[in-house]
Protein backbone atom coordinates (compact mmCIF):
# COMPACT_ATOMS: atom_id res chain seq x y z
CA MET A 1 0.00 -0.06 0.19
CA GLU A 2 1.05 3.51 -0.60
CA LYS A 3 0.79 6.57 1.77
CA SER A 4 -0.66 9.68 1.37
CA ASN A 5 -1.16 12.85 3.34
CA LEU A 6 -2.18 15.26 0.59
CA ASN A 7 -5.51 15.19 -1.28
CA ASP A 8 -4.91 12.58 -4.29
CA SER A 9 -1.14 12.70 -3.54
CA PHE A 10 0.59 9.71 -2.80
CA ILE A 11 3.81 8.92 -0.87
CA VAL A 12 5.62 6.52 -3.22
CA GLY A 13 8.85 6.01 -1.71
CA PHE A 14 11.83 7.59 0.65
CA VAL A 15 14.90 8.97 -0.05
CA ARG A 16 17.53 6.17 1.20
CA GLY A 17 21.04 8.25 0.27
CA SER A 18 23.21 8.84 -3.07
CA HIS A 19 24.54 6.44 -5.28
CA GLY A 20 27.45 7.32 -7.42
CA ILE A 21 29.06 10.82 -7.92
CA SER A 22 25.97 12.33 -10.67
CA GLY A 23 23.66 12.86 -8.05
CA GLU A 24 21.34 9.69 -8.14
CA PHE A 25 19.04 8.70 -5.27
CA LYS A 26 18.37 5.61 -3.74
CA VAL A 27 15.01 5.01 -3.12
CA GLU A 28 13.12 2.80 -1.10
CA SER A 29 9.55 2.01 -2.67
CA THR A 30 6.35 1.95 -0.18
CA SER A 31 4.37 -0.57 -2.00
CA GLY A 32 7.94 -2.54 -2.74
CA GLU A 33 7.13 -2.22 -6.15
CA TYR A 34 9.29 -0.24 -8.87
CA GLU A 35 8.22 -0.38 -12.46
CA HIS A 36 5.76 2.39 -12.11
CA PHE A 37 8.78 4.87 -11.41
CA ALA A 38 9.92 4.54 -15.03
CA SER A 39 6.59 6.47 -16.21
CA MET A 40 7.21 9.52 -13.99
CA LYS A 41 7.96 12.99 -15.19
CA GLU A 42 7.84 15.02 -12.12
CA VAL A 43 8.05 14.05 -8.33
CA VAL A 44 7.83 16.41 -5.14
CA LEU A 45 10.10 15.61 -2.42
CA ARG A 46 8.67 16.34 0.88
CA ASN A 47 10.52 16.96 4.34
CA GLY A 48 7.94 14.60 6.43
CA LYS A 49 8.80 16.57 9.78
CA THR A 50 8.67 20.09 8.25
CA GLY A 51 6.41 19.84 5.65
CA GLU A 52 8.86 21.70 3.35
CA GLU A 53 8.27 20.53 -0.14
CA LYS A 54 10.05 20.93 -3.83
CA SER A 55 9.19 19.95 -7.11
CA PHE A 56 11.55 18.33 -9.45
CA SER A 57 11.51 16.96 -12.95
CA VAL A 58 12.55 13.33 -13.51
CA GLU A 59 15.65 13.01 -15.71
CA TYR A 60 15.51 8.85 -15.08
CA ALA A 61 14.78 6.11 -12.94
CA GLN A 62 16.49 2.57 -13.15
CA VAL A 63 16.24 -0.31 -11.24
CA GLY A 64 19.40 -1.98 -10.20
CA GLY A 65 19.42 -5.29 -8.32
CA ARG A 66 17.02 -4.79 -5.55
CA ASP A 67 17.18 -0.92 -5.63
CA LEU A 68 15.90 1.81 -7.44
CA TYR A 69 17.82 4.95 -8.65
CA LEU A 70 16.00 8.04 -9.36
CA LYS A 71 17.98 11.20 -11.33
CA LEU A 72 16.38 14.50 -10.41
CA ALA A 73 17.04 17.56 -12.77
CA GLY A 74 19.21 19.85 -10.67
CA ILE A 75 20.23 17.35 -8.44
CA ASP A 76 23.88 16.75 -9.55
CA SER A 77 26.40 15.62 -6.49
CA PRO A 78 25.94 13.46 -3.50
CA GLU A 79 26.08 16.45 -1.67
CA ALA A 80 22.97 18.09 -3.03
CA VAL A 81 21.27 14.75 -2.35
CA GLN A 82 22.10 14.73 1.35
CA LYS A 83 20.17 17.65 2.11
CA TYR A 84 16.98 15.34 1.04
CA GLY A 85 17.97 12.42 3.03
CA LYS A 86 14.66 10.65 4.16
CA TRP A 87 12.41 12.91 2.57
CA GLU A 88 9.04 11.68 1.12
CA ILE A 89 8.60 11.06 -2.61
CA VAL A 90 5.18 12.09 -3.24
CA VAL A 91 3.45 11.96 -6.85
CA SER A 92 -0.17 12.50 -8.19
CA ARG A 93 -2.73 9.33 -8.20
CA GLU A 94 -2.05 8.50 -11.74
CA ASN A 95 1.58 7.79 -10.99
CA ALA A 96 0.90 5.62 -7.89
CA CYS A 97 1.48 2.14 -8.07
CA PRO A 98 -1.55 0.41 -10.06
CA LEU A 99 -3.74 -1.48 -7.45
CA GLY A 100 -4.16 -5.32 -7.50
CA LYS A 101 -7.15 -7.18 -6.66
CA ASP A 102 -8.43 -6.27 -3.54
CA GLU A 103 -5.79 -3.40 -3.12
CA TRP A 104 -6.55 0.04 -2.10
CA TYR A 105 -4.54 3.13 -1.21
CA ILE A 106 -4.11 4.14 2.36
CA GLU A 107 -5.42 7.79 1.96
CA ASP A 108 -8.63 6.18 0.22
CA LEU A 109 -9.09 4.24 3.37
CA LYS A 110 -8.84 6.84 5.81
CA ASN A 111 -11.90 8.43 7.56
CA CYS A 112 -13.92 5.40 6.01
CA ALA A 113 -16.64 4.68 8.60
CA LEU A 114 -16.25 0.87 9.95
CA VAL A 115 -19.69 -0.27 10.26
CA TYR A 116 -21.20 -3.36 11.75
CA GLU A 117 -24.55 -5.09 10.24
CA GLY A 118 -25.25 -7.05 13.29
CA LYS A 119 -26.03 -10.51 14.46
CA ASP A 120 -27.58 -12.37 17.08
CA GLY A 121 -30.14 -9.48 17.74
CA LEU A 122 -27.53 -6.78 18.06
CA ALA A 123 -28.87 -4.89 14.87
CA ASP A 124 -30.97 -4.89 12.40
CA LYS A 125 -29.14 -5.97 8.99
CA SER A 126 -30.67 -3.51 7.19
CA ALA A 127 -29.37 -0.67 8.88
CA PRO A 128 -25.88 -1.13 9.55
CA ILE A 129 -24.34 0.71 12.59
CA LYS A 130 -20.92 2.93 12.87
CA VAL A 131 -18.56 1.37 15.50
CA GLY A 132 -15.66 3.59 14.37
CA THR A 133 -13.64 5.71 12.12
CA ILE A 134 -10.48 4.31 10.37
CA THR A 135 -7.77 6.93 10.99
CA ASP A 136 -4.80 4.92 9.57
CA VAL A 137 -3.35 1.87 8.14
CA MET A 138 -0.40 0.54 10.07
CA GLU A 139 2.17 -2.34 9.21
CA GLY A 140 1.64 -5.37 11.31
CA GLY A 141 3.63 -8.44 11.77
CA SER A 142 1.19 -10.56 9.48
CA GLY A 143 -0.24 -7.82 7.64
CA ASP A 144 -1.95 -4.60 7.77
CA LEU A 145 -3.94 -3.08 10.58
CA LEU A 146 -6.62 -0.43 10.10
CA GLU A 147 -6.19 1.95 13.08
CA VAL A 148 -10.07 2.64 14.25
CA LEU A 149 -11.05 5.43 16.73
CA LEU A 150 -14.28 3.78 18.24
CA ALA A 151 -17.60 5.74 18.04
CA GLU A 152 -18.66 7.15 21.24
CA ASN A 153 -22.36 7.22 20.46
CA CYS A 154 -22.43 3.50 19.33
CA ASP A 155 -24.97 1.41 21.35
CA CYS A 156 -23.72 -2.03 20.44
CA LEU A 157 -20.52 -1.27 21.99
CA SER A 158 -20.22 -1.08 26.13
CA ASN A 159 -18.40 1.60 27.78
CA SER A 160 -15.54 -0.76 28.72
CA ILE A 161 -14.85 -1.27 24.87
CA LYS A 162 -15.19 2.33 24.18
CA TYR A 163 -13.25 3.93 26.70
CA ASP A 164 -9.85 3.26 28.10
CA SER A 165 -9.04 3.77 31.57
CA ASN A 166 -8.62 7.52 31.52
CA GLY A 167 -11.89 7.92 29.99
CA LYS A 168 -10.85 8.63 26.61
CA VAL A 169 -12.52 7.00 23.54
CA ARG A 170 -10.18 3.94 22.45
CA THR A 171 -8.33 3.69 19.26
CA VAL A 172 -8.11 -0.09 18.69
CA TYR A 173 -6.63 -2.37 15.56
CA VAL A 174 -8.39 -4.78 13.18
CA PRO A 175 -6.40 -6.92 10.89
CA LEU A 176 -7.19 -6.06 7.28
CA LYS A 177 -7.84 -9.61 6.77
CA ASP A 178 -11.21 -11.08 5.02
CA GLN A 179 -12.36 -12.92 8.23
CA PHE A 180 -12.52 -9.42 10.11
CA ILE A 181 -13.12 -7.04 7.50
CA GLY A 182 -16.18 -7.66 4.34
CA LYS A 183 -16.90 -5.31 1.89
CA VAL A 184 -14.48 -2.18 1.42
CA ASP A 185 -16.60 0.67 -0.17
CA VAL A 186 -13.97 3.29 -0.60
CA LYS A 187 -16.21 5.28 -2.84
CA ASN A 188 -18.70 5.70 -0.09
CA LYS A 189 -16.23 5.75 2.48
CA ILE A 190 -17.81 2.34 4.40
CA ILE A 191 -15.89 -0.61 5.54
CA GLN A 192 -17.75 -3.65 6.71
CA LEU A 193 -16.54 -5.25 10.23
CA MET A 194 -17.46 -8.95 10.36
CA HIS A 195 -16.92 -9.47 14.28
CA LEU A 196 -17.47 -7.07 17.18
CA TRP A 197 -15.31 -8.96 19.46
CA ILE A 198 -12.13 -8.02 17.45
CA LEU A 199 -12.90 -4.51 19.07
CA GLU A 200 -12.32 -5.41 22.58
């Protein structure tokens, strides 16, 4: 999955240092894929800490072994590369890694309502209940995890589930796996939760 912090813009990689003497960047791809870099004409480098950004034309991108090397116009030495160490590489949606089946961009999952359609009399199946909001997607040991801020006004969740020991609404993590997550509708910003117990 590719990350994004801008509207319809995606973090596709990070600058991981210089390569050679001509100003090439060594790049780490957020998706693990590199083929889509070849078609990029322009990228934005962004400092994830300060938000500072700068646009560059792409001279070329080439894969060498397990690494990608990116050459940007106007950056012509290892010293010039050092300024951008650990910066994010941001592109528009059309230049992000193409999605496969059952794949989504992280930005599209954020702010989706997590809904439960009800079982065992907890809710009418025709009226899904919002149990939380997706705030981020995190990498877990066995796959991606949806970060969910629980809904304070959800009657199907007990107070011991909704609130932490300080009385604040809890954030929980739900594995992005078929047994826990049903339909994902990013167009309407709705994700189906299969089991309430995973929120405990």
